Amino acid sequence: MSFKKLPLLKKLALKRNNKRGYQDYKLLRHLHTMPPVNLEFQSAENLHFKHSGNSGDVIYALPAMYAIAKNNPVNLFLNPNVDAGYGKNVYHPLGAVMLNAKVISMLKPLMEYQSRIKSCDTFTDQKVDVDLDLIRSYPLLGGLGNITRWYFYLFAVNADLSIPWLEAPDNLSYQDSIVIARSHRYRNPGIDFSFLKKYSNLVFLGLPEEYADIKKMLPSITHAPVNDFLEMASIIKSCKLFIGNQSFPFSIAEALKVKRVLEVCYYCPNVSVEGINGYDFCYQPQFEKIVERALEATSI
């Protein structure tokens, strides 16, 4: 669609009298400045992808990578120290960046375990065929929708998100455990985990400060520190139930399609549960009933 810049007075009038029309105008203005996305991949046999986003975003991007590469292996570059643009009022464990060298070193074993991924390395200006960071340049849904589908919108591909797209080894030490992960971001106010005290074998995955916080509600919960994210994925794959909010561990649970329960963030609902074994919740009574049913059922 063509774009015609409005004179200042007409733009101000549109902003005052037609808010939706003004939003559409800003969107068209933004789209007009965007470079075209290459949708014709010359060599799907050896494509190199770049991703600078958060760890969870990397997991959610895998279905698009596989769809673009078709039946061929994927080469992935992870780009550290890109400014996240969180702002001063948003807490994130990595501070102002989305990936750093330590997180890449923890992601690398998980990525290299995937049968579809040929290589995973740190980006240092290598040639790239598909820049997955373009989703942050194009105007999309922001805090809405499903992060995985954002890549579909941009690269004109699709995948069945009801089936697993991640692989991990088993860790039978956790087969009787309820595994919990809850970051400080993306919490739903009013949700209380203390009812889980009646269940045994509660295990927490996450940062020490997150563990200290949930231990106030669940004194008996134990912490499972991990050396890398392949180890984390093996714990999540093997547990009898995973409960998490919209943080990195849930992206693993969703990609593995384990029995999982998602705490939906009311102000940023951009993670979806698809396929068998998955529930999501916003309210306390429903949360408690879902956990009860999930532990009773062989499949939910």
Protein backbone atom coordinates (compact mmCIF):
# COMPACT_ATOMS: atom_id res chain seq x y z
CA MET A 1 0.00 0.00 0.00
CA SER A 2 1.32 3.43 -0.92
CA PHE A 3 1.97 5.98 1.79
CA LYS A 4 1.46 9.72 1.57
CA LYS A 5 2.82 11.90 4.33
CA LEU A 6 0.22 14.24 5.82
CA PRO A 7 0.84 17.94 6.44
CA LEU A 8 1.32 18.75 10.12
CA LEU A 9 -2.13 20.29 10.65
CA LYS A 10 -3.93 17.36 9.00
CA LYS A 11 -1.90 14.91 11.07
CA LEU A 12 -2.81 16.72 14.30
CA ALA A 13 -6.46 16.80 13.29
CA LEU A 14 -6.40 13.07 12.54
CA LYS A 15 -4.79 12.39 15.91
CA ARG A 16 -7.47 14.40 17.69
CA ASN A 17 -10.54 13.23 15.81
CA ASN A 18 -9.77 9.69 14.70
CA LYS A 19 -7.51 7.74 17.05
CA ARG A 20 -7.77 4.50 15.08
CA GLY A 21 -7.10 6.31 11.84
CA TYR A 22 -4.04 7.97 13.40
CA GLN A 23 -2.72 4.60 14.56
CA ASP A 24 -3.16 3.23 11.03
CA TYR A 25 -1.32 6.27 9.66
CA LYS A 26 1.63 5.72 12.01
CA LEU A 27 1.73 2.04 11.07
CA LEU A 28 1.80 2.85 7.34
CA ARG A 29 4.53 5.43 7.94
CA HIS A 30 6.58 2.82 9.78
CA LEU A 31 6.05 0.17 7.12
CA HIS A 32 7.03 2.65 4.42
CA THR A 33 10.51 2.95 5.94
CA MET A 34 11.09 -0.79 6.39
CA PRO A 35 13.46 -2.63 4.05
CA PRO A 36 11.84 -5.56 2.20
CA VAL A 37 12.25 -9.02 3.70
CA ASN A 38 13.92 -11.61 1.49
CA LEU A 39 11.36 -14.38 1.03
CA GLU A 40 13.29 -16.27 -1.66
CA PHE A 41 16.00 -18.25 0.06
CA GLN A 42 18.58 -19.13 -2.57
CA SER A 43 20.13 -22.12 -0.80
CA ALA A 44 17.94 -23.83 1.75
CA GLU A 45 20.61 -26.53 2.02
CA ASN A 46 22.97 -24.47 4.16
CA LEU A 47 21.16 -21.45 5.57
CA HIS A 48 22.68 -19.36 8.35
CA PHE A 49 20.34 -17.64 10.80
CA LYS A 50 21.10 -14.81 13.24
CA HIS A 51 19.22 -14.15 16.47
CA SER A 52 19.98 -11.44 19.05
CA GLY A 53 16.88 -11.88 21.21
CA ASN A 54 16.18 -13.40 24.60
CA SER A 55 16.74 -17.10 25.20
CA GLY A 56 13.04 -17.85 25.09
CA ASP A 57 12.69 -16.01 21.80
CA VAL A 58 15.38 -18.29 20.35
CA ILE A 59 13.32 -21.35 21.33
CA TYR A 60 10.16 -19.80 19.90
CA ALA A 61 11.97 -19.02 16.63
CA LEU A 62 12.94 -22.65 15.97
CA PRO A 63 9.72 -23.65 14.13
CA ALA A 64 10.21 -20.78 11.66
CA MET A 65 13.88 -21.70 11.16
CA TYR A 66 12.95 -25.30 10.44
CA ALA A 67 10.16 -24.24 8.07
CA ILE A 68 12.49 -21.92 6.14
CA ALA A 69 15.26 -24.52 5.96
CA LYS A 70 12.73 -27.21 4.95
CA ASN A 71 14.37 -30.60 5.47
CA ASN A 72 17.88 -29.20 5.64
CA PRO A 73 20.08 -28.48 8.68
CA VAL A 74 20.10 -25.09 10.39
CA ASN A 75 23.19 -23.03 11.22
CA LEU A 76 22.52 -20.57 14.03
CA PHE A 77 24.47 -17.50 15.13
CA LEU A 78 23.61 -15.97 18.52
CA ASN A 79 24.43 -12.28 18.78
CA PRO A 80 25.36 -10.96 22.25
CA ASN A 81 25.09 -7.55 23.90
CA VAL A 82 22.29 -6.05 21.81
CA ASP A 83 20.34 -3.39 23.71
CA ALA A 84 16.95 -4.72 24.74
CA GLY A 85 15.29 -1.33 25.09
CA TYR A 86 13.57 -2.39 28.31
CA GLY A 87 13.58 1.03 29.91
CA LYS A 88 14.49 1.96 33.47
CA ASN A 89 11.41 0.45 35.11
CA VAL A 90 11.82 -3.11 33.78
CA TYR A 91 13.95 -5.61 35.68
CA HIS A 92 15.78 -8.25 33.67
CA PRO A 93 18.54 -10.61 34.89
CA LEU A 94 20.81 -9.57 31.99
CA GLY A 95 20.32 -5.87 32.60
CA ALA A 96 19.98 -3.87 29.41
CA VAL A 97 20.90 -6.63 26.91
CA MET A 98 18.99 -9.66 25.59
CA LEU A 99 21.90 -12.11 25.30
CA ASN A 100 25.38 -12.16 26.75
CA ALA A 101 28.35 -14.50 26.44
CA LYS A 102 27.36 -16.56 29.50
CA VAL A 103 23.81 -17.17 28.30
CA ILE A 104 25.06 -18.10 24.82
CA SER A 105 27.42 -20.64 26.40
CA MET A 106 24.43 -22.13 28.26
CA LEU A 107 22.22 -22.16 25.16
CA LYS A 108 24.82 -23.70 22.88
CA PRO A 109 24.64 -27.29 24.28
CA LEU A 110 20.84 -27.30 23.94
CA MET A 111 20.95 -25.98 20.39
CA GLU A 112 23.66 -28.42 19.34
CA TYR A 113 21.65 -31.32 20.80
CA GLN A 114 18.90 -30.65 18.25
CA SER A 115 19.02 -33.04 15.31
CA ARG A 116 17.99 -30.24 12.91
CA ILE A 117 20.75 -27.82 14.00
CA LYS A 118 24.11 -28.29 12.32
CA SER A 119 25.98 -25.59 14.23
CA CYS A 120 25.47 -22.92 16.88
CA ASP A 121 28.09 -20.20 17.31
CA THR A 122 28.49 -16.64 18.53
CA PHE A 123 27.85 -14.03 15.86
CA THR A 124 30.96 -12.08 14.88
CA ASP A 125 29.89 -10.50 11.58
CA GLN A 126 29.62 -13.77 9.66
CA LYS A 127 27.51 -13.94 6.49
CA VAL A 128 23.85 -14.40 7.38
CA ASP A 129 21.04 -15.60 5.11
CA VAL A 130 18.10 -14.99 7.47
CA ASP A 131 18.15 -12.21 10.06
CA LEU A 132 15.56 -13.19 12.66
CA ASP A 133 16.06 -9.86 14.41
CA LEU A 134 13.86 -8.25 11.76
CA ILE A 135 10.82 -9.08 13.87
CA ARG A 136 11.93 -6.32 16.24
CA SER A 137 12.11 -3.79 13.41
CA TYR A 138 8.74 -4.46 11.86
CA PRO A 139 5.58 -3.30 13.65
CA LEU A 140 3.92 -6.41 14.98
CA LEU A 141 1.69 -7.28 17.91
CA GLY A 142 4.15 -6.32 20.63
CA GLY A 143 2.82 -7.78 23.86
CA LEU A 144 0.01 -9.74 22.18
CA GLY A 145 -0.45 -12.92 20.17
CA ASN A 146 2.08 -15.74 20.04
CA ILE A 147 5.81 -15.03 19.76
CA THR A 148 6.33 -18.13 17.61
CA ARG A 149 3.85 -16.89 15.03
CA TRP A 150 5.55 -13.47 14.79
CA TYR A 151 8.27 -15.16 12.73
CA PHE A 152 5.62 -16.77 10.52
CA TYR A 153 4.10 -13.35 9.77
CA LEU A 154 7.43 -11.96 8.64
CA PHE A 155 8.93 -14.87 6.71
CA ALA A 156 5.74 -16.29 5.14
CA VAL A 157 6.05 -19.78 6.65
CA ASN A 158 3.99 -21.96 8.94
CA ALA A 159 4.40 -24.97 11.21
CA ASP A 160 2.26 -27.22 13.38
CA LEU A 161 2.81 -25.81 16.86
CA SER A 162 0.84 -28.60 18.52
CA ILE A 163 3.73 -31.05 18.10
CA PRO A 164 7.14 -30.92 19.85
CA TRP A 165 9.89 -28.91 18.19
CA LEU A 166 12.61 -29.38 20.81
CA GLU A 167 14.61 -32.45 21.85
CA ALA A 168 16.19 -33.21 25.23
CA PRO A 169 17.55 -36.27 27.04
CA ASP A 170 15.71 -37.88 29.94
CA ASN A 171 16.66 -37.30 33.56
CA LEU A 172 14.84 -39.94 35.59
CA SER A 173 15.82 -38.28 38.87
CA TYR A 174 12.95 -35.84 38.34
CA GLN A 175 10.20 -38.17 37.11
CA ASP A 176 8.23 -37.75 40.35
CA SER A 177 8.83 -34.01 40.69
CA ILE A 178 6.64 -30.97 40.17
CA VAL A 179 9.02 -28.45 38.62
CA ILE A 180 8.32 -24.74 39.02
CA ALA A 181 9.87 -21.68 37.37
CA ARG A 182 8.67 -18.15 38.15
CA SER A 183 10.61 -15.05 37.13
CA HIS A 184 10.05 -11.65 38.69
CA ARG A 185 8.76 -10.39 35.34
CA TYR A 186 5.42 -11.50 33.86
CA ARG A 187 3.70 -12.29 37.14
CA ASN A 188 -0.05 -12.20 37.49
CA PRO A 189 -1.05 -10.24 40.62
CA GLY A 190 -3.12 -12.18 43.12
CA ILE A 191 -1.64 -15.56 42.23
CA ASP A 192 -0.48 -17.52 45.28
CA PHE A 193 1.61 -20.70 44.94
CA SER A 194 1.36 -21.63 48.62
CA PHE A 195 -1.44 -24.18 47.99
CA LEU A 196 1.24 -26.38 46.39
CA LYS A 197 2.58 -27.12 49.90
CA LYS A 198 0.26 -30.13 49.99
CA TYR A 199 2.22 -31.74 47.14
CA SER A 200 5.60 -33.45 47.54
CA ASN A 201 8.79 -33.28 45.49
CA LEU A 202 8.61 -29.60 44.56
CA VAL A 203 11.65 -28.41 42.60
CA PHE A 204 12.51 -24.88 41.44
CA LEU A 205 14.37 -23.93 38.27
CA GLY A 206 15.69 -20.40 38.10
CA LEU A 207 17.92 -17.77 39.64
CA PRO A 208 18.86 -17.83 43.34
CA GLU A 209 16.87 -14.66 44.04
CA GLU A 210 13.79 -16.18 42.36
CA TYR A 211 14.22 -19.31 44.43
CA ALA A 212 14.53 -17.30 47.65
CA ASP A 213 11.30 -15.52 46.76
CA ILE A 214 9.19 -18.62 46.09
CA LYS A 215 10.61 -20.37 49.15
CA LYS A 216 8.66 -17.85 51.24
CA MET A 217 5.47 -19.50 49.93
CA LEU A 218 6.85 -23.03 49.64
CA PRO A 219 9.40 -23.67 52.42
CA SER A 220 10.01 -27.29 51.38
CA ILE A 221 10.81 -26.57 47.74
CA THR A 222 14.33 -27.46 46.62
CA HIS A 223 16.49 -25.66 44.08
CA ALA A 224 17.97 -27.37 41.01
CA PRO A 225 20.84 -25.20 39.70
CA VAL A 226 21.90 -26.15 36.18
CA ASN A 227 25.19 -25.87 34.34
CA ASP A 228 23.53 -25.23 31.00
CA PHE A 229 20.11 -25.18 29.34
CA LEU A 230 20.39 -28.71 28.00
CA GLU A 231 20.45 -29.85 31.61
CA MET A 232 17.45 -27.63 32.32
CA ALA A 233 15.56 -29.09 29.37
CA SER A 234 16.26 -32.64 30.55
CA ILE A 235 14.74 -31.84 33.96
CA ILE A 236 11.66 -30.25 32.38
CA LYS A 237 11.22 -33.13 29.94
CA SER A 238 11.30 -35.71 32.73
CA CYS A 239 9.15 -34.12 35.45
CA LYS A 240 5.54 -35.17 36.08
CA LEU A 241 4.30 -31.56 35.88
CA PHE A 242 5.87 -28.21 34.97
CA ILE A 243 4.43 -24.89 36.20
CA GLY A 244 5.83 -21.61 34.95
CA ASN A 245 5.18 -18.06 33.89
CA GLN A 246 6.20 -16.45 30.60
CA SER A 247 9.93 -16.84 31.22
CA PHE A 248 12.57 -18.95 29.50
CA PRO A 249 11.88 -22.32 31.18
CA PHE A 250 8.29 -22.29 29.94
CA SER A 251 9.48 -21.89 26.35
CA ILE A 252 11.31 -25.20 26.82
CA ALA A 253 8.23 -26.86 28.33
CA GLU A 254 6.05 -25.61 25.50
CA ALA A 255 8.51 -26.73 22.83
CA LEU A 256 8.80 -30.19 24.43
CA LYS A 257 4.99 -30.44 24.92
CA VAL A 258 5.40 -31.84 28.43
CA LYS A 259 2.55 -31.68 30.91
CA ARG A 260 2.64 -27.94 31.64
CA VAL A 261 0.71 -25.08 33.24
CA LEU A 262 1.27 -21.46 32.20
CA GLU A 263 0.69 -18.38 34.35
CA VAL A 264 -0.53 -15.85 31.75
CA CYS A 265 0.75 -12.30 32.10
CA TYR A 266 -2.22 -9.95 31.89
CA TYR A 267 -0.26 -7.01 30.44
CA CYS A 268 1.85 -9.01 27.97
CA PRO A 269 0.00 -12.19 26.88
CA ASN A 270 2.34 -13.13 24.03
CA VAL A 271 2.94 -16.79 24.93
CA SER A 272 0.39 -19.46 24.01
CA VAL A 273 -0.19 -23.06 25.02
CA GLU A 274 -0.88 -25.29 22.02
CA GLY A 275 -1.39 -29.03 21.77
CA ILE A 276 -1.91 -31.74 24.34
CA ASN A 277 -0.78 -31.67 27.96
CA GLY A 278 -1.09 -27.86 28.29
CA TYR A 279 -3.17 -25.53 30.45
CA ASP A 280 -2.97 -21.80 31.10
CA PHE A 281 -4.58 -19.68 33.80
CA CYS A 282 -5.17 -16.13 35.00
CA TYR A 283 -7.09 -16.73 38.24
CA GLN A 284 -6.34 -18.52 41.50
CA PRO A 285 -9.26 -21.01 41.77
CA GLN A 286 -8.71 -22.14 38.19
CA PHE A 287 -4.96 -22.49 38.85
CA GLU A 288 -5.58 -24.82 41.78
CA LYS A 289 -8.14 -26.91 39.89
CA ILE A 290 -5.87 -27.21 36.83
CA VAL A 291 -2.98 -28.51 38.94
CA GLU A 292 -5.28 -31.02 40.64
CA ARG A 293 -6.60 -32.30 37.30
CA ALA A 294 -3.18 -32.36 35.67
CA LEU A 295 -1.75 -34.54 38.44
CA GLU A 296 -4.71 -36.90 38.28
CA ALA A 297 -4.67 -37.34 34.50
CA THR A 298 -2.25 -39.19 32.28
CA SER A 299 -2.87 -36.55 29.61
CA ILE A 300 -4.62 -33.18 29.74
